[in-house]
């Protein structure tokens, strides 16, 4: 069992900004995410939420710095896991869940790999999201919720310090959505993981989030769920949209 040192380790986003030509996507973004916390990132369309996640990943040029400190206050480079909104693939292809993991976890072409060695590792990853029974299923035969759980399992190898989820349940039914949130809540507790999640489902966030960032080109409000949801800034943003 992992020792719980919640809130001692932290990821700090400091003075992040992204500019594309003359257009400012967002600017002067500052917040701290702690281990063992699920932080929701909300805001209207075009607020810069997905771009912020991609800049934290290092995929988008940005100003500012990302600083991660472990439980002892040591400054390290964090391991970051990422679950995208969707996975684009040919639904008619014979590719299985195991094939997807082999392609992502090894540097050799899939047809040159022996699944015998990687299969136990994949099963262990899938067990974390209660999906080990899907290992030989074709990707095209998965439901939306099942596919997102597979992508979540993939993002957990190696186990990240910070897990980024970009609207991972858009298009997933209510039951699949609840299962996904419950899994994320379990991971947060069991692995003492910091999670940053983009979502439009305010009802689910009320149940599962610890903190909320309201973003619209800059951070308008950051704090506990009730504090943000009942704020003037929240009313103004969502009244206009």
C-alpha atoms as a PDB file:
ATOM      1  CA  UNK A   1       0.000   0.000   0.000  1.00  0.00           C
ATOM      2  CA  UNK A   2       1.308   3.387  -0.971  1.00  0.00           C
ATOM      3  CA  UNK A   3       1.877   5.799   1.915  1.00  0.00           C
ATOM      4  CA  UNK A   4      -0.555   8.675   1.708  1.00  0.00           C
ATOM      5  CA  UNK A   5       1.258  11.982   1.625  1.00  0.00           C
ATOM      6  CA  UNK A   6      -1.630  13.906   0.085  1.00  0.00           C
ATOM      7  CA  UNK A   7      -1.154  17.539  -0.697  1.00  0.00           C
ATOM      8  CA  UNK A   8       2.568  17.425   0.113  1.00  0.00           C
ATOM      9  CA  UNK A   9       3.537  17.052  -3.527  1.00  0.00           C
ATOM     10  CA  UNK A  10       2.331  19.676  -5.960  1.00  0.00           C
ATOM     11  CA  UNK A  11       2.352  20.776  -9.589  1.00  0.00           C
ATOM     12  CA  UNK A  12       2.514  24.525 -10.093  1.00  0.00           C
ATOM     13  CA  UNK A  13       1.463  26.205 -13.311  1.00  0.00           C
ATOM     14  CA  UNK A  14       3.095  29.640 -13.215  1.00  0.00           C
ATOM     15  CA  UNK A  15       2.326  32.528 -15.586  1.00  0.00           C
ATOM     16  CA  UNK A  16       1.245  30.299 -18.484  1.00  0.00           C
ATOM     17  CA  UNK A  17       0.243  32.067 -21.670  1.00  0.00           C
ATOM     18  CA  UNK A  18      -0.304  31.019 -25.285  1.00  0.00           C
ATOM     19  CA  UNK A  19      -0.327  33.435 -28.198  1.00  0.00           C
ATOM     20  CA  UNK A  20      -0.991  32.453 -31.828  1.00  0.00           C
ATOM     21  CA  UNK A  21      -0.025  35.369 -34.038  1.00  0.00           C
ATOM     22  CA  UNK A  22      -2.032  38.338 -32.766  1.00  0.00           C
ATOM     23  CA  UNK A  23      -4.526  36.080 -30.963  1.00  0.00           C
ATOM     24  CA  UNK A  24      -4.178  35.490 -27.209  1.00  0.00           C
ATOM     25  CA  UNK A  25      -5.551  32.026 -26.352  1.00  0.00           C
ATOM     26  CA  UNK A  26      -4.978  32.634 -22.629  1.00  0.00           C
ATOM     27  CA  UNK A  27      -2.580  34.610 -20.456  1.00  0.00           C
ATOM     28  CA  UNK A  28      -1.262  34.903 -16.913  1.00  0.00           C
ATOM     29  CA  UNK A  29      -2.617  31.496 -15.820  1.00  0.00           C
ATOM     30  CA  UNK A  30      -1.505  30.452 -12.317  1.00  0.00           C
ATOM     31  CA  UNK A  31      -2.664  27.584 -10.102  1.00  0.00           C
ATOM     32  CA  UNK A  32      -1.335  24.726  -7.961  1.00  0.00           C
ATOM     33  CA  UNK A  33      -2.600  21.129  -8.096  1.00  0.00           C
ATOM     34  CA  UNK A  34      -1.916  18.829  -5.147  1.00  0.00           C
ATOM     35  CA  UNK A  35      -1.519  15.054  -4.987  1.00  0.00           C
ATOM     36  CA  UNK A  36      -4.659  13.194  -4.011  1.00  0.00           C
ATOM     37  CA  UNK A  37      -6.875  15.893  -5.519  1.00  0.00           C
ATOM     38  CA  UNK A  38      -9.135  16.001  -8.570  1.00  0.00           C
ATOM     39  CA  UNK A  39      -9.133  19.515 -10.010  1.00  0.00           C
ATOM     40  CA  UNK A  40     -11.769  20.301 -12.630  1.00  0.00           C
ATOM     41  CA  UNK A  41     -11.071  22.781 -15.413  1.00  0.00           C
ATOM     42  CA  UNK A  42     -14.269  24.428 -16.643  1.00  0.00           C
ATOM     43  CA  UNK A  43     -15.182  27.350 -18.874  1.00  0.00           C
ATOM     44  CA  UNK A  44     -17.028  28.240 -22.078  1.00  0.00           C
ATOM     45  CA  UNK A  45     -16.046  26.952 -25.530  1.00  0.00           C
ATOM     46  CA  UNK A  46     -12.963  28.819 -26.727  1.00  0.00           C
ATOM     47  CA  UNK A  47     -11.780  29.525 -23.165  1.00  0.00           C
ATOM     48  CA  UNK A  48      -8.439  27.780 -23.859  1.00  0.00           C
ATOM     49  CA  UNK A  49      -8.985  24.625 -21.758  1.00  0.00           C
ATOM     50  CA  UNK A  50      -7.651  21.995 -24.205  1.00  0.00           C
ATOM     51  CA  UNK A  51      -4.793  24.288 -25.246  1.00  0.00           C
ATOM     52  CA  UNK A  52      -3.838  24.676 -21.583  1.00  0.00           C
ATOM     53  CA  UNK A  53      -3.632  20.884 -21.180  1.00  0.00           C
ATOM     54  CA  UNK A  54      -1.523  20.614 -24.352  1.00  0.00           C
ATOM     55  CA  UNK A  55       0.808  23.352 -23.120  1.00  0.00           C
ATOM     56  CA  UNK A  56       1.261  21.519 -19.787  1.00  0.00           C
ATOM     57  CA  UNK A  57       2.131  18.425 -21.865  1.00  0.00           C
ATOM     58  CA  UNK A  58       4.693  20.502 -23.794  1.00  0.00           C
ATOM     59  CA  UNK A  59       2.880  20.077 -27.127  1.00  0.00           C
ATOM     60  CA  UNK A  60       2.082  23.794 -27.488  1.00  0.00           C
ATOM     61  CA  UNK A  61       4.565  26.663 -27.203  1.00  0.00           C
ATOM     62  CA  UNK A  62       3.792  28.782 -24.168  1.00  0.00           C
ATOM     63  CA  UNK A  63       5.198  31.320 -21.758  1.00  0.00           C
ATOM     64  CA  UNK A  64       5.597  30.519 -18.069  1.00  0.00           C
ATOM     65  CA  UNK A  65       6.905  27.477 -16.217  1.00  0.00           C
ATOM     66  CA  UNK A  66       5.636  24.143 -14.920  1.00  0.00           C
ATOM     67  CA  UNK A  67       7.132  23.179 -11.563  1.00  0.00           C
ATOM     68  CA  UNK A  68       6.615  19.855  -9.802  1.00  0.00           C
ATOM     69  CA  UNK A  69       7.689  19.247  -6.198  1.00  0.00           C
ATOM     70  CA  UNK A  70       7.609  15.830  -4.549  1.00  0.00           C
ATOM     71  CA  UNK A  71       6.540  15.145  -0.943  1.00  0.00           C
ATOM     72  CA  UNK A  72      10.006  16.129   0.303  1.00  0.00           C
ATOM     73  CA  UNK A  73       9.910  19.432  -1.567  1.00  0.00           C
ATOM     74  CA  UNK A  74      12.366  18.229  -4.206  1.00  0.00           C
ATOM     75  CA  UNK A  75      11.975  19.849  -7.627  1.00  0.00           C
ATOM     76  CA  UNK A  76      11.581  17.147 -10.287  1.00  0.00           C
ATOM     77  CA  UNK A  77      10.335  16.639 -13.824  1.00  0.00           C
ATOM     78  CA  UNK A  78       6.855  15.123 -13.430  1.00  0.00           C
ATOM     79  CA  UNK A  79       5.600  12.032 -15.223  1.00  0.00           C
ATOM     80  CA  UNK A  80       2.428  13.181 -16.999  1.00  0.00           C
ATOM     81  CA  UNK A  81      -0.364  10.895 -18.217  1.00  0.00           C
ATOM     82  CA  UNK A  82      -2.901  12.108 -20.788  1.00  0.00           C
ATOM     83  CA  UNK A  83      -6.324  10.892 -21.931  1.00  0.00           C
ATOM     84  CA  UNK A  84      -7.603  12.657 -25.089  1.00  0.00           C
ATOM     85  CA  UNK A  85     -11.255  13.286 -25.952  1.00  0.00           C
ATOM     86  CA  UNK A  86     -11.264  10.571 -28.610  1.00  0.00           C
ATOM     87  CA  UNK A  87      -8.984   8.103 -30.363  1.00  0.00           C
ATOM     88  CA  UNK A  88      -9.125   8.248 -34.147  1.00  0.00           C
ATOM     89  CA  UNK A  89      -8.843   4.795 -35.706  1.00  0.00           C
ATOM     90  CA  UNK A  90     -10.457   2.602 -38.370  1.00  0.00           C
ATOM     91  CA  UNK A  91     -13.389   0.935 -36.598  1.00  0.00           C
ATOM     92  CA  UNK A  92     -13.300  -1.927 -39.115  1.00  0.00           C
ATOM     93  CA  UNK A  93      -9.646  -2.795 -38.405  1.00  0.00           C
ATOM     94  CA  UNK A  94      -8.767  -6.032 -36.558  1.00  0.00           C
ATOM     95  CA  UNK A  95      -6.610  -4.104 -34.021  1.00  0.00           C
ATOM     96  CA  UNK A  96      -7.251  -5.322 -30.471  1.00  0.00           C
ATOM     97  CA  UNK A  97      -6.763  -3.659 -27.098  1.00  0.00           C
ATOM     98  CA  UNK A  98      -3.584  -5.734 -26.649  1.00  0.00           C
ATOM     99  CA  UNK A  99      -2.290  -4.538 -30.054  1.00  0.00           C
ATOM    100  CA  UNK A 100      -2.869  -0.909 -29.017  1.00  0.00           C
ATOM    101  CA  UNK A 101      -0.882  -1.380 -25.797  1.00  0.00           C
ATOM    102  CA  UNK A 102       1.929  -3.186 -27.636  1.00  0.00           C
ATOM    103  CA  UNK A 103       2.161  -0.344 -30.174  1.00  0.00           C
ATOM    104  CA  UNK A 104       2.332   2.262 -27.397  1.00  0.00           C
ATOM    105  CA  UNK A 105       4.527   0.466 -24.846  1.00  0.00           C
ATOM    106  CA  UNK A 106       7.224  -0.988 -27.105  1.00  0.00           C
ATOM    107  CA  UNK A 107       9.464   0.629 -29.697  1.00  0.00           C
ATOM    108  CA  UNK A 108       9.412  -2.347 -32.021  1.00  0.00           C
ATOM    109  CA  UNK A 109       6.736  -2.891 -34.695  1.00  0.00           C
ATOM    110  CA  UNK A 110       3.773  -4.821 -33.256  1.00  0.00           C
ATOM    111  CA  UNK A 111       4.260  -7.740 -35.649  1.00  0.00           C
ATOM    112  CA  UNK A 112       7.809  -8.252 -34.327  1.00  0.00           C
ATOM    113  CA  UNK A 113       6.752  -8.302 -30.660  1.00  0.00           C
ATOM    114  CA  UNK A 114       5.863 -11.333 -28.636  1.00  0.00           C
ATOM    115  CA  UNK A 115       2.630 -10.658 -26.763  1.00  0.00           C
ATOM    116  CA  UNK A 116       3.669 -13.333 -24.240  1.00  0.00           C
ATOM    117  CA  UNK A 117       6.009 -10.915 -22.459  1.00  0.00           C
ATOM    118  CA  UNK A 118       3.854  -7.809 -22.543  1.00  0.00           C
ATOM    119  CA  UNK A 119       0.466  -9.439 -21.865  1.00  0.00           C
ATOM    120  CA  UNK A 120       0.888  -9.642 -18.034  1.00  0.00           C
ATOM    121  CA  UNK A 121       1.849  -5.941 -17.966  1.00  0.00           C
ATOM    122  CA  UNK A 122      -1.213  -5.021 -20.039  1.00  0.00           C
ATOM    123  CA  UNK A 123      -3.512  -7.108 -17.813  1.00  0.00           C
ATOM    124  CA  UNK A 124      -2.132  -5.323 -14.746  1.00  0.00           C
ATOM    125  CA  UNK A 125      -2.836  -1.929 -16.360  1.00  0.00           C
ATOM    126  CA  UNK A 126      -6.339  -2.960 -17.385  1.00  0.00           C
ATOM    127  CA  UNK A 127      -7.094  -4.277 -13.881  1.00  0.00           C
ATOM    128  CA  UNK A 128      -6.611  -0.711 -12.587  1.00  0.00           C
ATOM    129  CA  UNK A 129      -9.654   0.358 -14.606  1.00  0.00           C
ATOM    130  CA  UNK A 130     -11.603  -2.920 -14.185  1.00  0.00           C
ATOM    131  CA  UNK A 131     -11.250  -3.751 -17.890  1.00  0.00           C
ATOM    132  CA  UNK A 132      -8.946  -6.781 -18.028  1.00  0.00           C
ATOM    133  CA  UNK A 133     -11.760  -8.758 -19.749  1.00  0.00           C
ATOM    134  CA  UNK A 134     -11.389  -6.436 -22.784  1.00  0.00           C
ATOM    135  CA  UNK A 135      -7.738  -7.323 -23.573  1.00  0.00           C
ATOM    136  CA  UNK A 136      -8.533  -9.324 -26.742  1.00  0.00           C
ATOM    137  CA  UNK A 137     -11.514  -7.214 -27.849  1.00  0.00           C
ATOM    138  CA  UNK A 138     -11.310  -5.343 -31.153  1.00  0.00           C
ATOM    139  CA  UNK A 139     -11.095  -1.570 -30.643  1.00  0.00           C
ATOM    140  CA  UNK A 140     -14.011  -1.108 -33.065  1.00  0.00           C
ATOM    141  CA  UNK A 141     -16.207  -3.363 -30.900  1.00  0.00           C
ATOM    142  CA  UNK A 142     -15.762  -1.267 -27.743  1.00  0.00           C
ATOM    143  CA  UNK A 143     -18.418   1.111 -26.444  1.00  0.00           C
ATOM    144  CA  UNK A 144     -17.445   4.759 -25.944  1.00  0.00           C
ATOM    145  CA  UNK A 145     -17.112   4.230 -22.191  1.00  0.00           C
ATOM    146  CA  UNK A 146     -15.000   1.079 -22.621  1.00  0.00           C
ATOM    147  CA  UNK A 147     -12.654   2.829 -25.046  1.00  0.00           C
ATOM    148  CA  UNK A 148     -12.121   5.716 -22.611  1.00  0.00           C
ATOM    149  CA  UNK A 149     -11.279   3.241 -19.837  1.00  0.00           C
ATOM    150  CA  UNK A 150      -8.709   1.622 -22.169  1.00  0.00           C
ATOM    151  CA  UNK A 151      -7.159   5.048 -22.877  1.00  0.00           C
ATOM    152  CA  UNK A 152      -7.133   5.735 -19.133  1.00  0.00           C
ATOM    153  CA  UNK A 153      -5.299   2.436 -18.503  1.00  0.00           C
ATOM    154  CA  UNK A 154      -2.769   3.388 -21.193  1.00  0.00           C
ATOM    155  CA  UNK A 155      -2.176   6.770 -19.523  1.00  0.00           C
ATOM    156  CA  UNK A 156      -1.317   4.962 -16.261  1.00  0.00           C
ATOM    157  CA  UNK A 157       1.811   3.267 -17.666  1.00  0.00           C
ATOM    158  CA  UNK A 158       4.129   4.558 -16.332  1.00  0.00           C
ATOM    159  CA  UNK A 159       2.125   5.696 -13.303  1.00  0.00           C
ATOM    160  CA  UNK A 160       1.942   9.497 -13.627  1.00  0.00           C
ATOM    161  CA  UNK A 161       2.456  12.203 -11.021  1.00  0.00           C
ATOM    162  CA  UNK A 162      -0.091  14.304 -12.905  1.00  0.00           C
ATOM    163  CA  UNK A 163      -2.967  12.861 -14.945  1.00  0.00           C
ATOM    164  CA  UNK A 164      -4.594  15.120 -17.563  1.00  0.00           C
ATOM    165  CA  UNK A 165      -8.075  14.211 -18.820  1.00  0.00           C
ATOM    166  CA  UNK A 166      -9.425  16.221 -21.780  1.00  0.00           C
ATOM    167  CA  UNK A 167     -13.212  15.774 -21.731  1.00  0.00           C
ATOM    168  CA  UNK A 168     -12.693  12.005 -21.581  1.00  0.00           C
ATOM    169  CA  UNK A 169     -16.398  11.207 -21.375  1.00  0.00           C
ATOM    170  CA  UNK A 170     -17.938  13.357 -24.095  1.00  0.00           C
ATOM    171  CA  UNK A 171     -20.344  11.110 -25.973  1.00  0.00           C
ATOM    172  CA  UNK A 172     -20.376   8.495 -23.168  1.00  0.00           C
ATOM    173  CA  UNK A 173     -23.762   7.583 -21.629  1.00  0.00           C
ATOM    174  CA  UNK A 174     -24.635   8.426 -18.001  1.00  0.00           C
ATOM    175  CA  UNK A 175     -23.761   4.961 -16.669  1.00  0.00           C
ATOM    176  CA  UNK A 176     -20.403   4.925 -18.481  1.00  0.00           C
ATOM    177  CA  UNK A 177     -19.754   8.438 -17.221  1.00  0.00           C
ATOM    178  CA  UNK A 178     -20.422   7.507 -13.602  1.00  0.00           C
ATOM    179  CA  UNK A 179     -18.188   4.394 -13.881  1.00  0.00           C
ATOM    180  CA  UNK A 180     -15.380   6.540 -15.323  1.00  0.00           C
ATOM    181  CA  UNK A 181     -15.626   9.157 -12.563  1.00  0.00           C
ATOM    182  CA  UNK A 182     -15.705   6.463  -9.861  1.00  0.00           C
ATOM    183  CA  UNK A 183     -12.563   4.879 -11.347  1.00  0.00           C
ATOM    184  CA  UNK A 184     -10.792   8.242 -11.416  1.00  0.00           C
ATOM    185  CA  UNK A 185     -11.801   8.900  -7.783  1.00  0.00           C
ATOM    186  CA  UNK A 186     -10.417   5.475  -6.760  1.00  0.00           C
ATOM    187  CA  UNK A 187      -7.145   6.124  -8.607  1.00  0.00           C
ATOM    188  CA  UNK A 188      -6.800   9.523  -6.959  1.00  0.00           C
ATOM    189  CA  UNK A 189      -7.065   7.935  -3.502  1.00  0.00           C
ATOM    190  CA  UNK A 190      -5.176   4.673  -4.108  1.00  0.00           C
ATOM    191  CA  UNK A 191      -2.238   6.228  -5.987  1.00  0.00           C
ATOM    192  CA  UNK A 192      -2.280   9.678  -4.344  1.00  0.00           C
ATOM    193  CA  UNK A 193      -2.390  11.153  -7.836  1.00  0.00           C
ATOM    194  CA  UNK A 194      -2.959  14.739  -8.950  1.00  0.00           C
ATOM    195  CA  UNK A 195      -5.658  14.870 -11.642  1.00  0.00           C
ATOM    196  CA  UNK A 196      -6.671  17.772 -13.882  1.00  0.00           C
ATOM    197  CA  UNK A 197      -9.935  17.117 -15.723  1.00  0.00           C
ATOM    198  CA  UNK A 198     -11.788  19.148 -18.357  1.00  0.00           C
ATOM    199  CA  UNK A 199     -15.523  18.527 -18.129  1.00  0.00           C
ATOM    200  CA  UNK A 200     -18.849  20.205 -18.885  1.00  0.00           C
ATOM    201  CA  UNK A 201     -20.793  17.915 -16.563  1.00  0.00           C
ATOM    202  CA  UNK A 202     -21.236  20.165 -13.533  1.00  0.00           C
ATOM    203  CA  UNK A 203     -23.422  17.620 -11.722  1.00  0.00           C
ATOM    204  CA  UNK A 204     -20.644  14.987 -11.776  1.00  0.00           C
ATOM    205  CA  UNK A 205     -18.040  17.590 -10.811  1.00  0.00           C
ATOM    206  CA  UNK A 206     -20.104  18.545  -7.755  1.00  0.00           C
ATOM    207  CA  UNK A 207     -19.866  14.923  -6.622  1.00  0.00           C
ATOM    208  CA  UNK A 208     -16.261  14.119  -7.502  1.00  0.00           C
ATOM    209  CA  UNK A 209     -14.097  17.258  -7.808  1.00  0.00           C
ATOM    210  CA  UNK A 210     -12.036  18.694  -4.942  1.00  0.00           C
ATOM    211  CA  UNK A 211     -11.161  21.993  -6.624  1.00  0.00           C
ATOM    212  CA  UNK A 212     -12.410  23.882  -9.674  1.00  0.00           C
ATOM    213  CA  UNK A 213     -10.611  26.280 -12.033  1.00  0.00           C
ATOM    214  CA  UNK A 214     -12.907  28.593 -13.989  1.00  0.00           C
ATOM    215  CA  UNK A 215     -11.004  29.591 -17.123  1.00  0.00           C
ATOM    216  CA  UNK A 216     -11.911  32.098 -19.809  1.00  0.00           C
ATOM    217  CA  UNK A 217      -8.654  33.348 -21.399  1.00  0.00           C
ATOM    218  CA  UNK A 218      -7.398  33.707 -17.804  1.00  0.00           C
ATOM    219  CA  UNK A 219      -8.262  32.165 -14.434  1.00  0.00           C
ATOM    220  CA  UNK A 220     -11.446  33.896 -13.286  1.00  0.00           C
ATOM    221  CA  UNK A 221     -11.899  31.817 -10.131  1.00  0.00           C
ATOM    222  CA  UNK A 222     -10.029  28.953  -8.423  1.00  0.00           C
ATOM    223  CA  UNK A 223     -11.100  27.197  -5.241  1.00  0.00           C
ATOM    224  CA  UNK A 224     -13.435  24.611  -3.723  1.00  0.00           C
ATOM    225  CA  UNK A 225     -16.414  23.382  -5.737  1.00  0.00           C
ATOM    226  CA  UNK A 226     -19.069  25.389  -3.837  1.00  0.00           C
ATOM    227  CA  UNK A 227     -16.880  28.487  -3.763  1.00  0.00           C
ATOM    228  CA  UNK A 228     -16.518  28.491  -7.561  1.00  0.00           C
ATOM    229  CA  UNK A 229     -19.996  27.235  -8.489  1.00  0.00           C
ATOM    230  CA  UNK A 230     -21.700  29.884  -6.344  1.00  0.00           C
ATOM    231  CA  UNK A 231     -19.432  32.734  -7.433  1.00  0.00           C
ATOM    232  CA  UNK A 232     -20.379  35.857  -9.355  1.00  0.00           C
ATOM    233  CA  UNK A 233     -17.767  34.928 -12.008  1.00  0.00           C
ATOM    234  CA  UNK A 234     -19.460  31.560 -12.609  1.00  0.00           C
ATOM    235  CA  UNK A 235     -22.887  33.170 -13.013  1.00  0.00           C
ATOM    236  CA  UNK A 236     -21.529  35.757 -15.424  1.00  0.00           C
ATOM    237  CA  UNK A 237     -19.650  33.253 -17.614  1.00  0.00           C
ATOM    238  CA  UNK A 238     -22.483  30.770 -17.934  1.00  0.00           C
ATOM    239  CA  UNK A 239     -25.234  33.390 -18.260  1.00  0.00           C
ATOM    240  CA  UNK A 240     -23.470  34.682 -21.358  1.00  0.00           C
ATOM    241  CA  UNK A 241     -23.016  31.214 -22.867  1.00  0.00           C
END
